[in-house]
Amino acid sequence: MTIQQVQQEILRQKREQDVCVLAHSYQAREILEIADIVGDSFYLSAQAAKAPQRGMLLCGVRFMAETVKLLSPDKRVLLANPGAGCPMAEQMDRDLIRAVRAKHPDHTVVAYINTTAALKTVCDVCVTSSSAVKIVRKLENDKILFLPDRNLGDFVRKQLPEKQIKLLQGGCPIHAAVTPRDVRNARAAHPAALLLVHPECTPDVVAAADFAGSTADIMRFAKASDRREFIIGTEGSIAEHLQYDCPEKRFYPLTKQLLCPNMKLTTLPDVLKALQGEGGEEISLDPDTLRDARKCIDRMIALGE
């Protein structure tokens, strides 16, 4: 089958089965083309809860599918490729955070949305990369334990000096691998371009950027700007998607190393096989996890209003 034939079969089957296809922005272009909803992880979950379909098929990584299930517990949620995980989300567990909480009982525990459902059960509030500063600013407690991404936590801490933010040694290995040398090389190659980076990058890379923000924020900035050239410091697929969306502009990956192997695991045939019942994995969370993990997401939603 050609790509177009696979896409047409996916479109047919999702209609027949009442399934909504959710695709994270880091997915390949041919997957975005057949998706019903495209965006960042929490955006997908929030929109899935509003979608009329009874089935949700997530093209992304496991913690995102878990978040969809948390917000849509009565819907059937499938992860297109069961092997798609997230090193950052999986690098801390409940026992570790319970132990840290015991040492810092006066701290409010803030969890990046990029965490497992199990870890969210022992945290106080969630944040996204775009809402982190706003949410932490609104917290009454000035003592904050931010996890797992220390780079995003540092980004928040610099903007909220009135808060005492404690960081742990965690983060995204892909974004954290970007170096100031990569920045110098990219700027030398594209001197007219603005540098847009994700705050999961290290503080020295963020400090060297013209703009730092979430994936959605980066895309909005690039589309709205009257500048013509941009160096994109997040997953390489974003430069590609922006080039499709804004053909009159030019987008350059900050480094060719900015590729997430877990995001790249999901293929168009994976989506079709999941719809056919020959692949994918249904996400199941026990009642206690559904209840306790949902609390910190609900608090994030309340504080974000």
C-alpha atoms as a PDB file:
ATOM      1  CA  MET A   1       0.000   0.000   0.000  1.00  0.00           C
ATOM      2  CA  THR A   2       1.111   3.546  -0.682  1.00  0.00           C
ATOM      3  CA  ILE A   3       1.177   6.197   2.051  1.00  0.00           C
ATOM      4  CA  GLN A   4      -1.995   7.701   0.585  1.00  0.00           C
ATOM      5  CA  GLN A   5      -3.754   4.324   0.601  1.00  0.00           C
ATOM      6  CA  VAL A   6      -2.810   3.711   4.231  1.00  0.00           C
ATOM      7  CA  GLN A   7      -4.037   7.182   5.142  1.00  0.00           C
ATOM      8  CA  GLN A   8      -7.356   6.628   3.370  1.00  0.00           C
ATOM      9  CA  GLU A   9      -7.856   3.307   5.167  1.00  0.00           C
ATOM     10  CA  ILE A  10      -7.098   4.956   8.526  1.00  0.00           C
ATOM     11  CA  LEU A  11      -9.608   7.704   7.811  1.00  0.00           C
ATOM     12  CA  ARG A  12     -12.237   5.100   6.899  1.00  0.00           C
ATOM     13  CA  GLN A  13     -11.635   2.912   9.937  1.00  0.00           C
ATOM     14  CA  LYS A  14     -11.552   5.694  12.500  1.00  0.00           C
ATOM     15  CA  ARG A  15     -14.932   6.917  11.230  1.00  0.00           C
ATOM     16  CA  GLU A  16     -16.442   3.440  11.363  1.00  0.00           C
ATOM     17  CA  GLN A  17     -15.043   2.724  14.835  1.00  0.00           C
ATOM     18  CA  ASP A  18     -15.789   6.152  16.348  1.00  0.00           C
ATOM     19  CA  VAL A  19     -12.134   6.762  17.142  1.00  0.00           C
ATOM     20  CA  CYS A  20     -10.406  10.130  17.540  1.00  0.00           C
ATOM     21  CA  VAL A  21      -6.754  10.133  16.480  1.00  0.00           C
ATOM     22  CA  LEU A  22      -4.548  12.333  18.672  1.00  0.00           C
ATOM     23  CA  ALA A  23      -1.069  13.223  17.408  1.00  0.00           C
ATOM     24  CA  HIS A  24       1.646  15.019  19.314  1.00  0.00           C
ATOM     25  CA  SER A  25       3.372  17.781  17.369  1.00  0.00           C
ATOM     26  CA  TYR A  26       6.599  15.733  17.240  1.00  0.00           C
ATOM     27  CA  GLN A  27       4.976  13.050  15.103  1.00  0.00           C
ATOM     28  CA  ALA A  28       5.756  12.621  11.411  1.00  0.00           C
ATOM     29  CA  ARG A  29       3.897  14.729   8.875  1.00  0.00           C
ATOM     30  CA  GLU A  30       1.973  11.798   7.394  1.00  0.00           C
ATOM     31  CA  ILE A  31       0.539  11.065  10.864  1.00  0.00           C
ATOM     32  CA  LEU A  32      -0.437  14.681  11.494  1.00  0.00           C
ATOM     33  CA  GLU A  33      -2.341  14.617   8.202  1.00  0.00           C
ATOM     34  CA  ILE A  34      -4.737  11.897   9.410  1.00  0.00           C
ATOM     35  CA  ALA A  35      -5.070  13.149  12.997  1.00  0.00           C
ATOM     36  CA  ASP A  36      -8.204  14.758  14.385  1.00  0.00           C
ATOM     37  CA  ILE A  37      -6.295  16.733  17.027  1.00  0.00           C
ATOM     38  CA  VAL A  38      -2.636  17.853  16.923  1.00  0.00           C
ATOM     39  CA  GLY A  39      -0.721  19.618  19.678  1.00  0.00           C
ATOM     40  CA  ASP A  40       1.234  19.440  22.928  1.00  0.00           C
ATOM     41  CA  SER A  41       0.612  16.650  25.416  1.00  0.00           C
ATOM     42  CA  PHE A  42      -1.850  18.387  27.755  1.00  0.00           C
ATOM     43  CA  TYR A  43      -3.682  20.072  24.889  1.00  0.00           C
ATOM     44  CA  LEU A  44      -4.322  16.645  23.386  1.00  0.00           C
ATOM     45  CA  SER A  45      -5.697  15.349  26.678  1.00  0.00           C
ATOM     46  CA  ALA A  46      -7.941  18.349  27.247  1.00  0.00           C
ATOM     47  CA  GLN A  47      -9.327  18.222  23.713  1.00  0.00           C
ATOM     48  CA  ALA A  48      -9.808  14.448  23.905  1.00  0.00           C
ATOM     49  CA  ALA A  49     -12.061  14.929  26.937  1.00  0.00           C
ATOM     50  CA  LYS A  50     -14.272  17.227  24.839  1.00  0.00           C
ATOM     51  CA  ALA A  51     -14.246  15.044  21.716  1.00  0.00           C
ATOM     52  CA  PRO A  52     -17.484  13.152  20.961  1.00  0.00           C
ATOM     53  CA  GLN A  53     -15.766   9.903  19.970  1.00  0.00           C
ATOM     54  CA  ARG A  54     -15.701   7.032  22.460  1.00  0.00           C
ATOM     55  CA  GLY A  55     -12.284   5.816  21.398  1.00  0.00           C
ATOM     56  CA  MET A  56      -8.964   7.699  21.562  1.00  0.00           C
ATOM     57  CA  LEU A  57      -5.847   6.630  19.651  1.00  0.00           C
ATOM     58  CA  LEU A  58      -2.722   8.438  20.847  1.00  0.00           C
ATOM     59  CA  CYS A  59       0.247   8.873  18.526  1.00  0.00           C
ATOM     60  CA  GLY A  60       2.937   9.929  20.961  1.00  0.00           C
ATOM     61  CA  VAL A  61       4.458   8.405  24.096  1.00  0.00           C
ATOM     62  CA  ARG A  62       3.031   6.495  27.052  1.00  0.00           C
ATOM     63  CA  PHE A  63       2.693   9.260  29.646  1.00  0.00           C
ATOM     64  CA  MET A  64       0.610  11.233  27.139  1.00  0.00           C
ATOM     65  CA  ALA A  65      -1.781   8.314  26.673  1.00  0.00           C
ATOM     66  CA  GLU A  66      -2.011   7.989  30.466  1.00  0.00           C
ATOM     67  CA  THR A  67      -2.923  11.675  30.738  1.00  0.00           C
ATOM     68  CA  VAL A  68      -5.633  11.195  28.119  1.00  0.00           C
ATOM     69  CA  LYS A  69      -7.013   8.336  30.222  1.00  0.00           C
ATOM     70  CA  LEU A  70      -6.890  10.460  33.389  1.00  0.00           C
ATOM     71  CA  LEU A  71      -9.059  13.122  31.770  1.00  0.00           C
ATOM     72  CA  SER A  72     -11.281  10.633  29.904  1.00  0.00           C
ATOM     73  CA  PRO A  73     -11.569   7.645  32.253  1.00  0.00           C
ATOM     74  CA  ASP A  74     -14.729   6.353  30.564  1.00  0.00           C
ATOM     75  CA  LYS A  75     -13.214   6.322  27.089  1.00  0.00           C
ATOM     76  CA  ARG A  76     -11.114   3.594  25.487  1.00  0.00           C
ATOM     77  CA  VAL A  77      -7.569   4.918  25.087  1.00  0.00           C
ATOM     78  CA  LEU A  78      -5.008   3.237  22.844  1.00  0.00           C
ATOM     79  CA  LEU A  79      -1.296   3.966  22.492  1.00  0.00           C
ATOM     80  CA  ALA A  80      -0.396   3.419  18.833  1.00  0.00           C
ATOM     81  CA  ASN A  81       3.079   2.024  19.561  1.00  0.00           C
ATOM     82  CA  PRO A  82       3.423   0.321  22.986  1.00  0.00           C
ATOM     83  CA  GLY A  83       7.205   0.768  22.922  1.00  0.00           C
ATOM     84  CA  ALA A  84       7.027   4.556  22.831  1.00  0.00           C
ATOM     85  CA  GLY A  85       8.110   5.721  26.274  1.00  0.00           C
ATOM     86  CA  CYS A  86       9.742   8.873  27.647  1.00  0.00           C
ATOM     87  CA  PRO A  87      13.086   8.726  29.505  1.00  0.00           C
ATOM     88  CA  MET A  88      12.274  11.900  31.436  1.00  0.00           C
ATOM     89  CA  ALA A  89       8.852  10.676  32.536  1.00  0.00           C
ATOM     90  CA  GLU A  90      10.291   7.339  33.644  1.00  0.00           C
ATOM     91  CA  GLN A  91      13.420   8.518  35.493  1.00  0.00           C
ATOM     92  CA  MET A  92      11.712   9.093  38.860  1.00  0.00           C
ATOM     93  CA  ASP A  93       9.311   6.878  40.781  1.00  0.00           C
ATOM     94  CA  ARG A  94       6.930   7.275  43.694  1.00  0.00           C
ATOM     95  CA  ASP A  95       9.304   5.894  46.328  1.00  0.00           C
ATOM     96  CA  LEU A  96      11.967   8.453  45.394  1.00  0.00           C
ATOM     97  CA  ILE A  97       9.550  11.380  45.556  1.00  0.00           C
ATOM     98  CA  ARG A  98       8.003  10.136  48.803  1.00  0.00           C
ATOM     99  CA  ALA A  99      11.499  10.102  50.308  1.00  0.00           C
ATOM    100  CA  VAL A 100      12.250  13.610  49.032  1.00  0.00           C
ATOM    101  CA  ARG A 101       8.916  14.867  50.336  1.00  0.00           C
ATOM    102  CA  ALA A 102       9.750  13.449  53.761  1.00  0.00           C
ATOM    103  CA  LYS A 103      12.940  15.540  53.802  1.00  0.00           C
ATOM    104  CA  HIS A 104      11.097  18.673  52.636  1.00  0.00           C
ATOM    105  CA  PRO A 105       7.605  18.430  54.145  1.00  0.00           C
ATOM    106  CA  ASP A 106       7.067  22.191  53.872  1.00  0.00           C
ATOM    107  CA  HIS A 107       7.489  22.197  50.056  1.00  0.00           C
ATOM    108  CA  THR A 108       4.739  22.074  47.439  1.00  0.00           C
ATOM    109  CA  VAL A 109       5.585  19.377  44.880  1.00  0.00           C
ATOM    110  CA  VAL A 110       5.144  20.590  41.309  1.00  0.00           C
ATOM    111  CA  ALA A 111       5.189  17.925  38.601  1.00  0.00           C
ATOM    112  CA  TYR A 112       5.824  18.634  34.948  1.00  0.00           C
ATOM    113  CA  ILE A 113       3.058  17.031  32.879  1.00  0.00           C
ATOM    114  CA  ASN A 114       5.837  14.855  31.381  1.00  0.00           C
ATOM    115  CA  THR A 115       5.588  12.355  34.242  1.00  0.00           C
ATOM    116  CA  THR A 116       3.893   8.997  34.676  1.00  0.00           C
ATOM    117  CA  ALA A 117       0.415   8.730  36.127  1.00  0.00           C
ATOM    118  CA  ALA A 118       1.917   6.842  39.073  1.00  0.00           C
ATOM    119  CA  LEU A 119       4.290   9.705  39.888  1.00  0.00           C
ATOM    120  CA  LYS A 120       1.488  12.258  39.661  1.00  0.00           C
ATOM    121  CA  THR A 121      -0.261  10.488  42.549  1.00  0.00           C
ATOM    122  CA  VAL A 122       2.382  11.797  45.000  1.00  0.00           C
ATOM    123  CA  CYS A 123       2.532  15.363  43.643  1.00  0.00           C
ATOM    124  CA  ASP A 124       0.484  18.450  44.488  1.00  0.00           C
ATOM    125  CA  VAL A 125       0.026  20.164  41.132  1.00  0.00           C
ATOM    126  CA  CYS A 126       0.974  19.660  37.487  1.00  0.00           C
ATOM    127  CA  VAL A 127       2.319  22.211  35.023  1.00  0.00           C
ATOM    128  CA  THR A 128       3.029  22.331  31.317  1.00  0.00           C
ATOM    129  CA  SER A 129       6.014  24.085  29.802  1.00  0.00           C
ATOM    130  CA  SER A 130       3.751  26.954  28.752  1.00  0.00           C
ATOM    131  CA  SER A 131       1.872  27.253  32.076  1.00  0.00           C
ATOM    132  CA  ALA A 132       4.686  26.508  34.569  1.00  0.00           C
ATOM    133  CA  VAL A 133       5.568  30.116  35.408  1.00  0.00           C
ATOM    134  CA  LYS A 134       1.906  31.137  35.752  1.00  0.00           C
ATOM    135  CA  ILE A 135       0.978  28.162  37.942  1.00  0.00           C
ATOM    136  CA  VAL A 136       3.994  28.360  40.261  1.00  0.00           C
ATOM    137  CA  ARG A 137       3.491  32.123  40.655  1.00  0.00           C
ATOM    138  CA  LYS A 138      -0.073  31.490  41.850  1.00  0.00           C
ATOM    139  CA  LEU A 139       0.913  28.923  44.486  1.00  0.00           C
ATOM    140  CA  GLU A 140       0.570  30.324  48.008  1.00  0.00           C
ATOM    141  CA  ASN A 141       3.600  28.398  49.214  1.00  0.00           C
ATOM    142  CA  ASP A 142       6.934  29.967  48.257  1.00  0.00           C
ATOM    143  CA  LYS A 143       8.801  26.704  48.846  1.00  0.00           C
ATOM    144  CA  ILE A 144       8.597  24.565  45.713  1.00  0.00           C
ATOM    145  CA  LEU A 145       9.983  21.160  44.787  1.00  0.00           C
ATOM    146  CA  PHE A 146       9.976  21.053  40.977  1.00  0.00           C
ATOM    147  CA  LEU A 147      10.352  17.770  39.098  1.00  0.00           C
ATOM    148  CA  PRO A 148      11.561  16.067  37.011  1.00  0.00           C
ATOM    149  CA  ASP A 149      13.091  18.554  34.533  1.00  0.00           C
ATOM    150  CA  ARG A 150      15.698  20.713  36.233  1.00  0.00           C
ATOM    151  CA  ASN A 151      16.158  22.832  33.096  1.00  0.00           C
ATOM    152  CA  LEU A 152      12.492  23.796  32.919  1.00  0.00           C
ATOM    153  CA  GLY A 153      12.629  24.288  36.687  1.00  0.00           C
ATOM    154  CA  ASP A 154      15.594  26.645  36.313  1.00  0.00           C
ATOM    155  CA  PHE A 155      13.672  28.558  33.630  1.00  0.00           C
ATOM    156  CA  VAL A 156      10.799  29.004  36.090  1.00  0.00           C
ATOM    157  CA  ARG A 157      13.110  29.896  38.982  1.00  0.00           C
ATOM    158  CA  LYS A 158      14.792  32.692  37.019  1.00  0.00           C
ATOM    159  CA  GLN A 159      11.414  34.300  36.324  1.00  0.00           C
ATOM    160  CA  LEU A 160      10.141  33.888  39.885  1.00  0.00           C
ATOM    161  CA  PRO A 161      13.027  34.945  42.169  1.00  0.00           C
ATOM    162  CA  GLU A 162      10.573  35.387  45.032  1.00  0.00           C
ATOM    163  CA  LYS A 163      10.045  31.612  45.112  1.00  0.00           C
ATOM    164  CA  GLN A 164      12.430  29.110  46.704  1.00  0.00           C
ATOM    165  CA  ILE A 165      12.520  26.410  44.025  1.00  0.00           C
ATOM    166  CA  LYS A 166      14.387  23.195  44.705  1.00  0.00           C
ATOM    167  CA  LEU A 167      15.345  21.121  41.655  1.00  0.00           C
ATOM    168  CA  LEU A 168      16.145  17.440  41.209  1.00  0.00           C
ATOM    169  CA  GLN A 169      18.567  15.871  38.723  1.00  0.00           C
ATOM    170  CA  GLY A 170      16.152  15.064  35.949  1.00  0.00           C
ATOM    171  CA  GLY A 171      15.354  16.189  32.442  1.00  0.00           C
ATOM    172  CA  CYS A 172      14.929  15.438  28.765  1.00  0.00           C
ATOM    173  CA  PRO A 173      18.114  13.794  27.458  1.00  0.00           C
ATOM    174  CA  ILE A 174      17.446  15.050  23.926  1.00  0.00           C
ATOM    175  CA  HIS A 175      16.996  18.738  24.741  1.00  0.00           C
ATOM    176  CA  ALA A 176      19.660  18.642  27.472  1.00  0.00           C
ATOM    177  CA  ALA A 177      22.263  17.394  24.978  1.00  0.00           C
ATOM    178  CA  VAL A 178      22.197  20.673  23.025  1.00  0.00           C
ATOM    179  CA  THR A 179      25.363  22.693  23.714  1.00  0.00           C
ATOM    180  CA  PRO A 180      26.456  26.333  23.419  1.00  0.00           C
ATOM    181  CA  ARG A 181      28.748  25.147  20.636  1.00  0.00           C
ATOM    182  CA  ASP A 182      25.670  23.966  18.722  1.00  0.00           C
ATOM    183  CA  VAL A 183      24.235  27.452  19.183  1.00  0.00           C
ATOM    184  CA  ARG A 184      27.412  29.129  17.903  1.00  0.00           C
ATOM    185  CA  ASN A 185      27.548  26.840  14.883  1.00  0.00           C
ATOM    186  CA  ALA A 186      23.890  27.415  14.018  1.00  0.00           C
ATOM    187  CA  ARG A 187      24.150  31.172  14.371  1.00  0.00           C
ATOM    188  CA  ALA A 188      27.290  31.213  12.218  1.00  0.00           C
ATOM    189  CA  ALA A 189      25.513  29.203   9.515  1.00  0.00           C
ATOM    190  CA  HIS A 190      22.321  31.301   9.672  1.00  0.00           C
ATOM    191  CA  PRO A 191      23.253  34.793  10.929  1.00  0.00           C
ATOM    192  CA  ALA A 192      19.913  36.345   9.967  1.00  0.00           C
ATOM    193  CA  ALA A 193      17.836  33.768  11.846  1.00  0.00           C
ATOM    194  CA  LEU A 194      16.190  34.115  15.252  1.00  0.00           C
ATOM    195  CA  LEU A 195      16.951  31.303  17.701  1.00  0.00           C
ATOM    196  CA  LEU A 196      13.843  29.769  19.317  1.00  0.00           C
ATOM    197  CA  VAL A 197      14.421  27.092  21.968  1.00  0.00           C
ATOM    198  CA  HIS A 198      12.475  24.916  24.378  1.00  0.00           C
ATOM    199  CA  PRO A 199      13.136  25.513  28.121  1.00  0.00           C
ATOM    200  CA  GLU A 200      14.019  21.821  28.472  1.00  0.00           C
ATOM    201  CA  CYS A 201      17.363  22.917  26.989  1.00  0.00           C
ATOM    202  CA  THR A 202      20.156  23.795  29.436  1.00  0.00           C
ATOM    203  CA  PRO A 203      20.216  27.279  31.010  1.00  0.00           C
ATOM    204  CA  ASP A 204      23.190  28.442  28.920  1.00  0.00           C
ATOM    205  CA  VAL A 205      21.396  27.479  25.700  1.00  0.00           C
ATOM    206  CA  VAL A 206      18.164  29.168  26.858  1.00  0.00           C
ATOM    207  CA  ALA A 207      20.127  32.310  27.776  1.00  0.00           C
ATOM    208  CA  ALA A 208      21.570  32.440  24.254  1.00  0.00           C
ATOM    209  CA  ALA A 209      18.145  32.257  22.578  1.00  0.00           C
ATOM    210  CA  ASP A 210      16.011  35.040  21.180  1.00  0.00           C
ATOM    211  CA  PHE A 211      12.909  33.295  22.484  1.00  0.00           C
ATOM    212  CA  ALA A 212      12.277  30.356  24.837  1.00  0.00           C
ATOM    213  CA  GLY A 213       8.933  28.637  25.179  1.00  0.00           C
ATOM    214  CA  SER A 214       6.889  25.488  24.768  1.00  0.00           C
ATOM    215  CA  THR A 215       6.585  23.750  21.420  1.00  0.00           C
ATOM    216  CA  ALA A 216       3.247  25.471  20.792  1.00  0.00           C
ATOM    217  CA  ASP A 217       4.705  28.821  21.866  1.00  0.00           C
ATOM    218  CA  ILE A 218       7.649  28.383  19.488  1.00  0.00           C
ATOM    219  CA  MET A 219       5.317  27.615  16.607  1.00  0.00           C
ATOM    220  CA  ARG A 220       3.065  30.565  17.377  1.00  0.00           C
ATOM    221  CA  PHE A 221       6.039  32.921  17.672  1.00  0.00           C
ATOM    222  CA  ALA A 222       7.524  31.805  14.356  1.00  0.00           C
ATOM    223  CA  LYS A 223       4.206  32.077  12.507  1.00  0.00           C
ATOM    224  CA  ALA A 224       3.410  35.532  13.906  1.00  0.00           C
ATOM    225  CA  SER A 225       6.888  37.019  13.501  1.00  0.00           C
ATOM    226  CA  ASP A 226       7.707  39.246  10.549  1.00  0.00           C
ATOM    227  CA  ARG A 227      11.193  37.730  10.475  1.00  0.00           C
ATOM    228  CA  ARG A 228      11.970  35.300   7.661  1.00  0.00           C
ATOM    229  CA  GLU A 229      14.468  32.844   9.166  1.00  0.00           C
ATOM    230  CA  PHE A 230      14.448  30.806  12.366  1.00  0.00           C
ATOM    231  CA  ILE A 231      16.689  28.284  14.102  1.00  0.00           C
ATOM    232  CA  ILE A 232      14.437  25.816  15.929  1.00  0.00           C
ATOM    233  CA  GLY A 233      15.785  24.456  19.212  1.00  0.00           C
ATOM    234  CA  THR A 234      13.358  21.639  19.865  1.00  0.00           C
ATOM    235  CA  GLU A 235      12.529  18.262  18.268  1.00  0.00           C
ATOM    236  CA  GLY A 236      13.528  18.349  14.610  1.00  0.00           C
ATOM    237  CA  SER A 237      10.032  17.619  13.300  1.00  0.00           C
ATOM    238  CA  ILE A 238       8.910  21.104  14.378  1.00  0.00           C
ATOM    239  CA  ALA A 239      11.223  22.786  11.879  1.00  0.00           C
ATOM    240  CA  GLU A 240       9.740  20.509   9.209  1.00  0.00           C
ATOM    241  CA  HIS A 241       6.119  21.237  10.181  1.00  0.00           C
ATOM    242  CA  LEU A 242       6.766  24.972  10.283  1.00  0.00           C
ATOM    243  CA  GLN A 243       8.306  24.811   6.824  1.00  0.00           C
ATOM    244  CA  TYR A 244       5.098  23.232   5.499  1.00  0.00           C
ATOM    245  CA  ASP A 245       2.940  25.778   7.314  1.00  0.00           C
ATOM    246  CA  CYS A 246       5.040  28.820   6.364  1.00  0.00           C
ATOM    247  CA  PRO A 247       6.627  28.110   2.964  1.00  0.00           C
ATOM    248  CA  GLU A 248       7.658  31.745   2.576  1.00  0.00           C
ATOM    249  CA  LYS A 249       9.942  31.474   5.634  1.00  0.00           C
ATOM    250  CA  ARG A 250      13.001  29.336   6.389  1.00  0.00           C
ATOM    251  CA  PHE A 251      13.434  27.029   9.378  1.00  0.00           C
ATOM    252  CA  TYR A 252      16.665  25.332  10.425  1.00  0.00           C
ATOM    253  CA  PRO A 253      17.113  22.666  13.145  1.00  0.00           C
ATOM    254  CA  LEU A 254      19.471  23.891  15.859  1.00  0.00           C
ATOM    255  CA  THR A 255      21.271  20.550  15.634  1.00  0.00           C
ATOM    256  CA  LYS A 256      20.590  17.298  13.822  1.00  0.00           C
ATOM    257  CA  GLN A 257      20.845  15.547  17.201  1.00  0.00           C
ATOM    258  CA  LEU A 258      17.477  16.989  18.292  1.00  0.00           C
ATOM    259  CA  LEU A 259      15.533  13.864  17.364  1.00  0.00           C
ATOM    260  CA  CYS A 260      13.422  11.921  19.838  1.00  0.00           C
ATOM    261  CA  PRO A 261      13.718   8.186  19.111  1.00  0.00           C
ATOM    262  CA  ASN A 262      10.591   7.418  21.132  1.00  0.00           C
ATOM    263  CA  MET A 263       8.481   9.858  19.141  1.00  0.00           C
ATOM    264  CA  LYS A 264       9.880   8.422  15.938  1.00  0.00           C
ATOM    265  CA  LEU A 265       8.778   4.881  16.892  1.00  0.00           C
ATOM    266  CA  THR A 266       5.171   5.487  15.856  1.00  0.00           C
ATOM    267  CA  THR A 267       4.573   4.937  12.154  1.00  0.00           C
ATOM    268  CA  LEU A 268       1.555   5.258   9.899  1.00  0.00           C
ATOM    269  CA  PRO A 269       1.211   1.433   9.702  1.00  0.00           C
ATOM    270  CA  ASP A 270       1.212   1.378  13.543  1.00  0.00           C
ATOM    271  CA  VAL A 271      -1.853   3.619  13.506  1.00  0.00           C
ATOM    272  CA  LEU A 272      -3.637   1.365  11.035  1.00  0.00           C
ATOM    273  CA  LYS A 273      -2.759  -1.818  12.934  1.00  0.00           C
ATOM    274  CA  ALA A 274      -4.020  -0.313  16.184  1.00  0.00           C
ATOM    275  CA  LEU A 275      -7.341   0.494  14.507  1.00  0.00           C
ATOM    276  CA  GLN A 276      -7.498  -3.024  13.084  1.00  0.00           C
ATOM    277  CA  GLY A 277      -6.930  -4.568  16.516  1.00  0.00           C
ATOM    278  CA  GLU A 278      -3.586  -6.017  15.437  1.00  0.00           C
ATOM    279  CA  GLY A 279      -1.377  -3.594  17.360  1.00  0.00           C
ATOM    280  CA  GLY A 280      -1.340  -0.785  19.857  1.00  0.00           C
ATOM    281  CA  GLU A 281      -2.037  -1.122  23.574  1.00  0.00           C
ATOM    282  CA  GLU A 282      -5.073  -0.155  25.580  1.00  0.00           C
ATOM    283  CA  ILE A 283      -4.180   2.066  28.535  1.00  0.00           C
ATOM    284  CA  SER A 284      -5.615   0.879  31.828  1.00  0.00           C
ATOM    285  CA  LEU A 285      -5.189   2.678  35.175  1.00  0.00           C
ATOM    286  CA  ASP A 286      -6.443   1.391  38.510  1.00  0.00           C
ATOM    287  CA  PRO A 287      -9.103   3.417  40.355  1.00  0.00           C
ATOM    288  CA  ASP A 288      -6.668   4.744  42.987  1.00  0.00           C
ATOM    289  CA  THR A 289      -4.276   6.044  40.316  1.00  0.00           C
ATOM    290  CA  LEU A 290      -7.133   7.581  38.351  1.00  0.00           C
ATOM    291  CA  ARG A 291      -8.344   9.388  41.459  1.00  0.00           C
ATOM    292  CA  ASP A 292      -5.025  10.491  42.954  1.00  0.00           C
ATOM    293  CA  ALA A 293      -3.204  11.423  39.737  1.00  0.00           C
ATOM    294  CA  ARG A 294      -6.194  13.436  38.552  1.00  0.00           C
ATOM    295  CA  LYS A 295      -6.009  15.698  41.631  1.00  0.00           C
ATOM    296  CA  CYS A 296      -2.824  17.494  40.593  1.00  0.00           C
ATOM    297  CA  ILE A 297      -4.139  17.939  37.039  1.00  0.00           C
ATOM    298  CA  ASP A 298      -7.414  19.378  38.342  1.00  0.00           C
ATOM    299  CA  ARG A 299      -5.451  21.814  40.498  1.00  0.00           C
ATOM    300  CA  MET A 300      -3.418  22.880  37.479  1.00  0.00           C
ATOM    301  CA  ILE A 301      -6.618  23.515  35.523  1.00  0.00           C
ATOM    302  CA  ALA A 302      -8.071  25.562  38.397  1.00  0.00           C
ATOM    303  CA  LEU A 303      -4.916  27.665  38.790  1.00  0.00           C
ATOM    304  CA  GLY A 304      -4.625  28.141  35.058  1.00  0.00           C
ATOM    305  CA  GLU A 305      -7.984  29.855  34.757  1.00  0.00           C
END
